Structure formats: C-alpha cells, structure tokens
C-alpha cells in the first residue's frame, strides 16, 4: 500500500473531522459565547435593537458547580421569556469572579447585573419592559 491513504479512508477521515469539529464549535441557537464582556454587551444590545426582544448578558465566573454552565442557565432564561411571549438570546463571557451575573438588555436600557436568583425574580419586570418598549416603538 506504500503508505498512502486510500481515497475511501481519506473521505471517512475528512467526514469524521468535519462532523466532530462542527459539533465542538456549534453555536446554540438560544445563545452564544462572546470573546469578552464588551463583546457580549455589544451583541446583547444589537440583538435587542434588531429583534425588539431581550438580550441577556451572562458573566460566567468560577465555582458554579458541576452542570451549572452558562448555556444551561441561559437556556432556562430564554425558555421562560419565550413562555411569556418575549424573544430573547443570551450572550455569555468568562469572568474572573466567583459565581454568575445576569443582565437584561432592552433597547438602550439594562436591568441588572444580578445574581441568577435575583435575575430570575426580575424576569417578569424585564418581560413587562420589553412589551412596553415594543408598544412605544410601533
């Protein structure tokens, strides 16, 4: 076989590489990781202006425990806002502090940052503000 890869083996290798690379770098439709806090802020604001929804900004710090990731928390916030009739998307960045912070961005205004529990308590307030902003902008 003189050390060359057969065409079928090369095709399988390439397909495997593409599939695993795509899954490793896939962006969740509900949210995405940002390069920095500024990048996340910019994306959350841009999302809110473009859609009339809420851009959720998550600062993901250290010591959150097993299974408590920014996408797990972000998905829950997006689903709860959708249940209330509000489109949203989260943008998270790695932070240097302990725990996690959450902010809601609605047009030019922001609510937060809060810890996850306080942000959850204020989700109704954020939804009401987004609905009011939608009425004003019509």
C-alpha atoms as a PDB file:
ATOM      1  CA  UNK A   1       0.000   0.000   0.000  1.00  0.00           C
ATOM      2  CA  UNK A   2       3.146   2.229   0.001  1.00  0.00           C
ATOM      3  CA  UNK A   3       2.000   4.497   2.891  1.00  0.00           C
ATOM      4  CA  UNK A   4      -0.710   6.389   1.008  1.00  0.00           C
ATOM      5  CA  UNK A   5      -4.237   6.734   2.318  1.00  0.00           C
ATOM      6  CA  UNK A   6      -6.890   5.096   0.179  1.00  0.00           C
ATOM      7  CA  UNK A   7      -9.452   7.591  -1.179  1.00  0.00           C
ATOM      8  CA  UNK A   8     -12.295   5.996   0.792  1.00  0.00           C
ATOM      9  CA  UNK A   9     -10.304   6.128   4.035  1.00  0.00           C
ATOM     10  CA  UNK A  10      -9.441   9.781   3.395  1.00  0.00           C
ATOM     11  CA  UNK A  11     -13.114  10.568   2.788  1.00  0.00           C
ATOM     12  CA  UNK A  12     -14.152   8.898   6.039  1.00  0.00           C
ATOM     13  CA  UNK A  13     -11.402  10.739   7.935  1.00  0.00           C
ATOM     14  CA  UNK A  14     -12.444  14.086   6.446  1.00  0.00           C
ATOM     15  CA  UNK A  15     -16.127  13.471   7.173  1.00  0.00           C
ATOM     16  CA  UNK A  16     -15.317  12.489  10.770  1.00  0.00           C
ATOM     17  CA  UNK A  17     -13.169  15.586  11.213  1.00  0.00           C
ATOM     18  CA  UNK A  18     -15.891  17.883   9.852  1.00  0.00           C
ATOM     19  CA  UNK A  19     -18.645  16.322  11.978  1.00  0.00           C
ATOM     20  CA  UNK A  20     -16.647  16.468  15.210  1.00  0.00           C
ATOM     21  CA  UNK A  21     -15.326  19.958  14.506  1.00  0.00           C
ATOM     22  CA  UNK A  22     -18.808  21.266  13.787  1.00  0.00           C
ATOM     23  CA  UNK A  23     -20.211  19.805  16.991  1.00  0.00           C
ATOM     24  CA  UNK A  24     -17.308  21.124  19.063  1.00  0.00           C
ATOM     25  CA  UNK A  25     -17.791  24.661  17.753  1.00  0.00           C
ATOM     26  CA  UNK A  26     -21.569  24.639  17.293  1.00  0.00           C
ATOM     27  CA  UNK A  27     -23.384  27.738  18.500  1.00  0.00           C
ATOM     28  CA  UNK A  28     -26.520  27.166  20.491  1.00  0.00           C
ATOM     29  CA  UNK A  29     -29.407  28.887  18.717  1.00  0.00           C
ATOM     30  CA  UNK A  30     -30.524  30.251  22.089  1.00  0.00           C
ATOM     31  CA  UNK A  31     -27.180  31.824  22.910  1.00  0.00           C
ATOM     32  CA  UNK A  32     -23.510  32.132  22.215  1.00  0.00           C
ATOM     33  CA  UNK A  33     -20.200  32.724  23.908  1.00  0.00           C
ATOM     34  CA  UNK A  34     -18.593  36.111  23.427  1.00  0.00           C
ATOM     35  CA  UNK A  35     -14.896  36.903  23.444  1.00  0.00           C
ATOM     36  CA  UNK A  36     -15.166  39.478  26.254  1.00  0.00           C
ATOM     37  CA  UNK A  37     -17.641  41.347  28.429  1.00  0.00           C
ATOM     38  CA  UNK A  38     -17.623  44.218  25.939  1.00  0.00           C
ATOM     39  CA  UNK A  39     -18.308  41.854  23.036  1.00  0.00           C
ATOM     40  CA  UNK A  40     -21.183  40.236  24.960  1.00  0.00           C
ATOM     41  CA  UNK A  41     -22.633  43.665  25.818  1.00  0.00           C
ATOM     42  CA  UNK A  42     -22.429  44.769  22.204  1.00  0.00           C
ATOM     43  CA  UNK A  43     -24.088  41.581  20.956  1.00  0.00           C
ATOM     44  CA  UNK A  44     -26.869  41.710  23.573  1.00  0.00           C
ATOM     45  CA  UNK A  45     -27.671  45.323  22.705  1.00  0.00           C
ATOM     46  CA  UNK A  46     -27.519  44.670  18.967  1.00  0.00           C
ATOM     47  CA  UNK A  47     -29.846  41.669  19.377  1.00  0.00           C
ATOM     48  CA  UNK A  48     -32.375  43.730  21.345  1.00  0.00           C
ATOM     49  CA  UNK A  49     -32.433  46.540  18.782  1.00  0.00           C
ATOM     50  CA  UNK A  50     -32.662  44.147  15.828  1.00  0.00           C
ATOM     51  CA  UNK A  51     -35.451  41.971  17.206  1.00  0.00           C
ATOM     52  CA  UNK A  52     -37.277  44.055  19.804  1.00  0.00           C
ATOM     53  CA  UNK A  53     -36.519  41.243  22.247  1.00  0.00           C
ATOM     54  CA  UNK A  54     -34.247  40.960  25.248  1.00  0.00           C
ATOM     55  CA  UNK A  55     -30.508  40.446  25.003  1.00  0.00           C
ATOM     56  CA  UNK A  56     -29.391  38.537  28.082  1.00  0.00           C
ATOM     57  CA  UNK A  57     -25.824  39.161  29.210  1.00  0.00           C
ATOM     58  CA  UNK A  58     -24.274  36.460  31.412  1.00  0.00           C
ATOM     59  CA  UNK A  59     -20.940  36.833  33.186  1.00  0.00           C
ATOM     60  CA  UNK A  60     -19.830  33.267  33.902  1.00  0.00           C
ATOM     61  CA  UNK A  61     -17.375  33.178  36.771  1.00  0.00           C
ATOM     62  CA  UNK A  62     -15.665  30.465  38.764  1.00  0.00           C
ATOM     63  CA  UNK A  63     -17.018  27.922  41.231  1.00  0.00           C
ATOM     64  CA  UNK A  64     -20.505  27.405  39.796  1.00  0.00           C
ATOM     65  CA  UNK A  65     -20.582  23.669  40.426  1.00  0.00           C
ATOM     66  CA  UNK A  66     -20.983  20.660  38.216  1.00  0.00           C
ATOM     67  CA  UNK A  67     -23.538  21.011  35.465  1.00  0.00           C
ATOM     68  CA  UNK A  68     -24.146  24.710  36.135  1.00  0.00           C
ATOM     69  CA  UNK A  69     -22.921  26.166  32.875  1.00  0.00           C
ATOM     70  CA  UNK A  70     -23.770  29.440  31.185  1.00  0.00           C
ATOM     71  CA  UNK A  71     -25.701  27.616  28.419  1.00  0.00           C
ATOM     72  CA  UNK A  72     -27.780  25.668  30.967  1.00  0.00           C
ATOM     73  CA  UNK A  73     -28.728  28.877  32.804  1.00  0.00           C
ATOM     74  CA  UNK A  74     -29.094  30.921  29.608  1.00  0.00           C
ATOM     75  CA  UNK A  75     -31.391  28.340  28.012  1.00  0.00           C
ATOM     76  CA  UNK A  76     -33.661  28.445  31.071  1.00  0.00           C
ATOM     77  CA  UNK A  77     -33.961  32.228  30.914  1.00  0.00           C
ATOM     78  CA  UNK A  78     -34.665  32.169  27.164  1.00  0.00           C
ATOM     79  CA  UNK A  79     -37.347  29.491  27.589  1.00  0.00           C
ATOM     80  CA  UNK A  80     -39.014  31.380  30.432  1.00  0.00           C
ATOM     81  CA  UNK A  81     -39.092  34.606  28.429  1.00  0.00           C
ATOM     82  CA  UNK A  82     -40.495  32.728  25.414  1.00  0.00           C
ATOM     83  CA  UNK A  83     -43.224  31.345  27.672  1.00  0.00           C
ATOM     84  CA  UNK A  84     -44.076  34.988  28.433  1.00  0.00           C
ATOM     85  CA  UNK A  85     -44.132  35.887  24.729  1.00  0.00           C
ATOM     86  CA  UNK A  86     -40.724  37.605  24.584  1.00  0.00           C
ATOM     87  CA  UNK A  87     -37.958  36.718  22.132  1.00  0.00           C
ATOM     88  CA  UNK A  88     -34.514  36.603  23.720  1.00  0.00           C
ATOM     89  CA  UNK A  89     -30.993  35.350  23.261  1.00  0.00           C
ATOM     90  CA  UNK A  90     -28.155  35.119  25.770  1.00  0.00           C
ATOM     91  CA  UNK A  91     -24.533  36.096  25.322  1.00  0.00           C
ATOM     92  CA  UNK A  92     -22.004  34.909  27.881  1.00  0.00           C
ATOM     93  CA  UNK A  93     -18.389  35.601  28.643  1.00  0.00           C
ATOM     94  CA  UNK A  94     -15.878  34.147  31.082  1.00  0.00           C
ATOM     95  CA  UNK A  95     -15.460  36.301  34.180  1.00  0.00           C
ATOM     96  CA  UNK A  96     -12.784  36.452  36.886  1.00  0.00           C
ATOM     97  CA  UNK A  97     -15.152  36.482  39.861  1.00  0.00           C
ATOM     98  CA  UNK A  98     -16.997  33.737  41.721  1.00  0.00           C
ATOM     99  CA  UNK A  99     -20.499  32.852  40.562  1.00  0.00           C
ATOM    100  CA  UNK A 100     -22.553  34.226  37.729  1.00  0.00           C
ATOM    101  CA  UNK A 101     -24.222  37.534  36.863  1.00  0.00           C
ATOM    102  CA  UNK A 102     -27.208  38.162  34.605  1.00  0.00           C
ATOM    103  CA  UNK A 103     -28.355  41.394  32.938  1.00  0.00           C
ATOM    104  CA  UNK A 104     -31.315  42.079  30.684  1.00  0.00           C
ATOM    105  CA  UNK A 105     -30.775  44.493  27.779  1.00  0.00           C
ATOM    106  CA  UNK A 106     -33.863  46.081  26.278  1.00  0.00           C
ATOM    107  CA  UNK A 107     -33.037  48.730  23.722  1.00  0.00           C
ATOM    108  CA  UNK A 108     -30.988  51.402  25.475  1.00  0.00           C
ATOM    109  CA  UNK A 109     -31.874  50.211  28.968  1.00  0.00           C
ATOM    110  CA  UNK A 110     -30.403  47.480  31.122  1.00  0.00           C
ATOM    111  CA  UNK A 111     -31.668  45.711  34.212  1.00  0.00           C
ATOM    112  CA  UNK A 112     -29.031  44.209  36.475  1.00  0.00           C
ATOM    113  CA  UNK A 113     -26.466  42.853  36.862  1.00  0.00           C
ATOM    114  CA  UNK A 114     -27.806  40.446  39.419  1.00  0.00           C
ATOM    115  CA  UNK A 115     -27.002  37.001  40.646  1.00  0.00           C
ATOM    116  CA  UNK A 116     -29.012  34.242  38.977  1.00  0.00           C
ATOM    117  CA  UNK A 117     -31.674  34.084  41.725  1.00  0.00           C
ATOM    118  CA  UNK A 118     -32.291  37.839  41.688  1.00  0.00           C
ATOM    119  CA  UNK A 119     -32.371  37.878  37.868  1.00  0.00           C
ATOM    120  CA  UNK A 120     -34.971  35.107  37.959  1.00  0.00           C
ATOM    121  CA  UNK A 121     -37.082  37.155  40.400  1.00  0.00           C
ATOM    122  CA  UNK A 122     -36.922  40.110  37.987  1.00  0.00           C
ATOM    123  CA  UNK A 123     -37.771  38.237  34.793  1.00  0.00           C
ATOM    124  CA  UNK A 124     -41.381  39.477  34.927  1.00  0.00           C
ATOM    125  CA  UNK A 125     -40.158  43.063  35.196  1.00  0.00           C
ATOM    126  CA  UNK A 126     -37.878  42.554  32.176  1.00  0.00           C
ATOM    127  CA  UNK A 127     -40.720  40.986  30.164  1.00  0.00           C
ATOM    128  CA  UNK A 128     -43.064  43.865  31.009  1.00  0.00           C
ATOM    129  CA  UNK A 129     -40.434  46.427  29.988  1.00  0.00           C
ATOM    130  CA  UNK A 130     -39.819  44.647  26.683  1.00  0.00           C
ATOM    131  CA  UNK A 131     -43.571  44.623  25.965  1.00  0.00           C
ATOM    132  CA  UNK A 132     -43.806  48.327  26.828  1.00  0.00           C
ATOM    133  CA  UNK A 133     -40.828  49.118  24.596  1.00  0.00           C
ATOM    134  CA  UNK A 134     -42.496  47.230  21.742  1.00  0.00           C
ATOM    135  CA  UNK A 135     -45.695  49.256  22.173  1.00  0.00           C
ATOM    136  CA  UNK A 136     -43.793  52.564  22.188  1.00  0.00           C
ATOM    137  CA  UNK A 137     -41.751  51.703  19.105  1.00  0.00           C
ATOM    138  CA  UNK A 138     -44.802  50.878  16.936  1.00  0.00           C
END
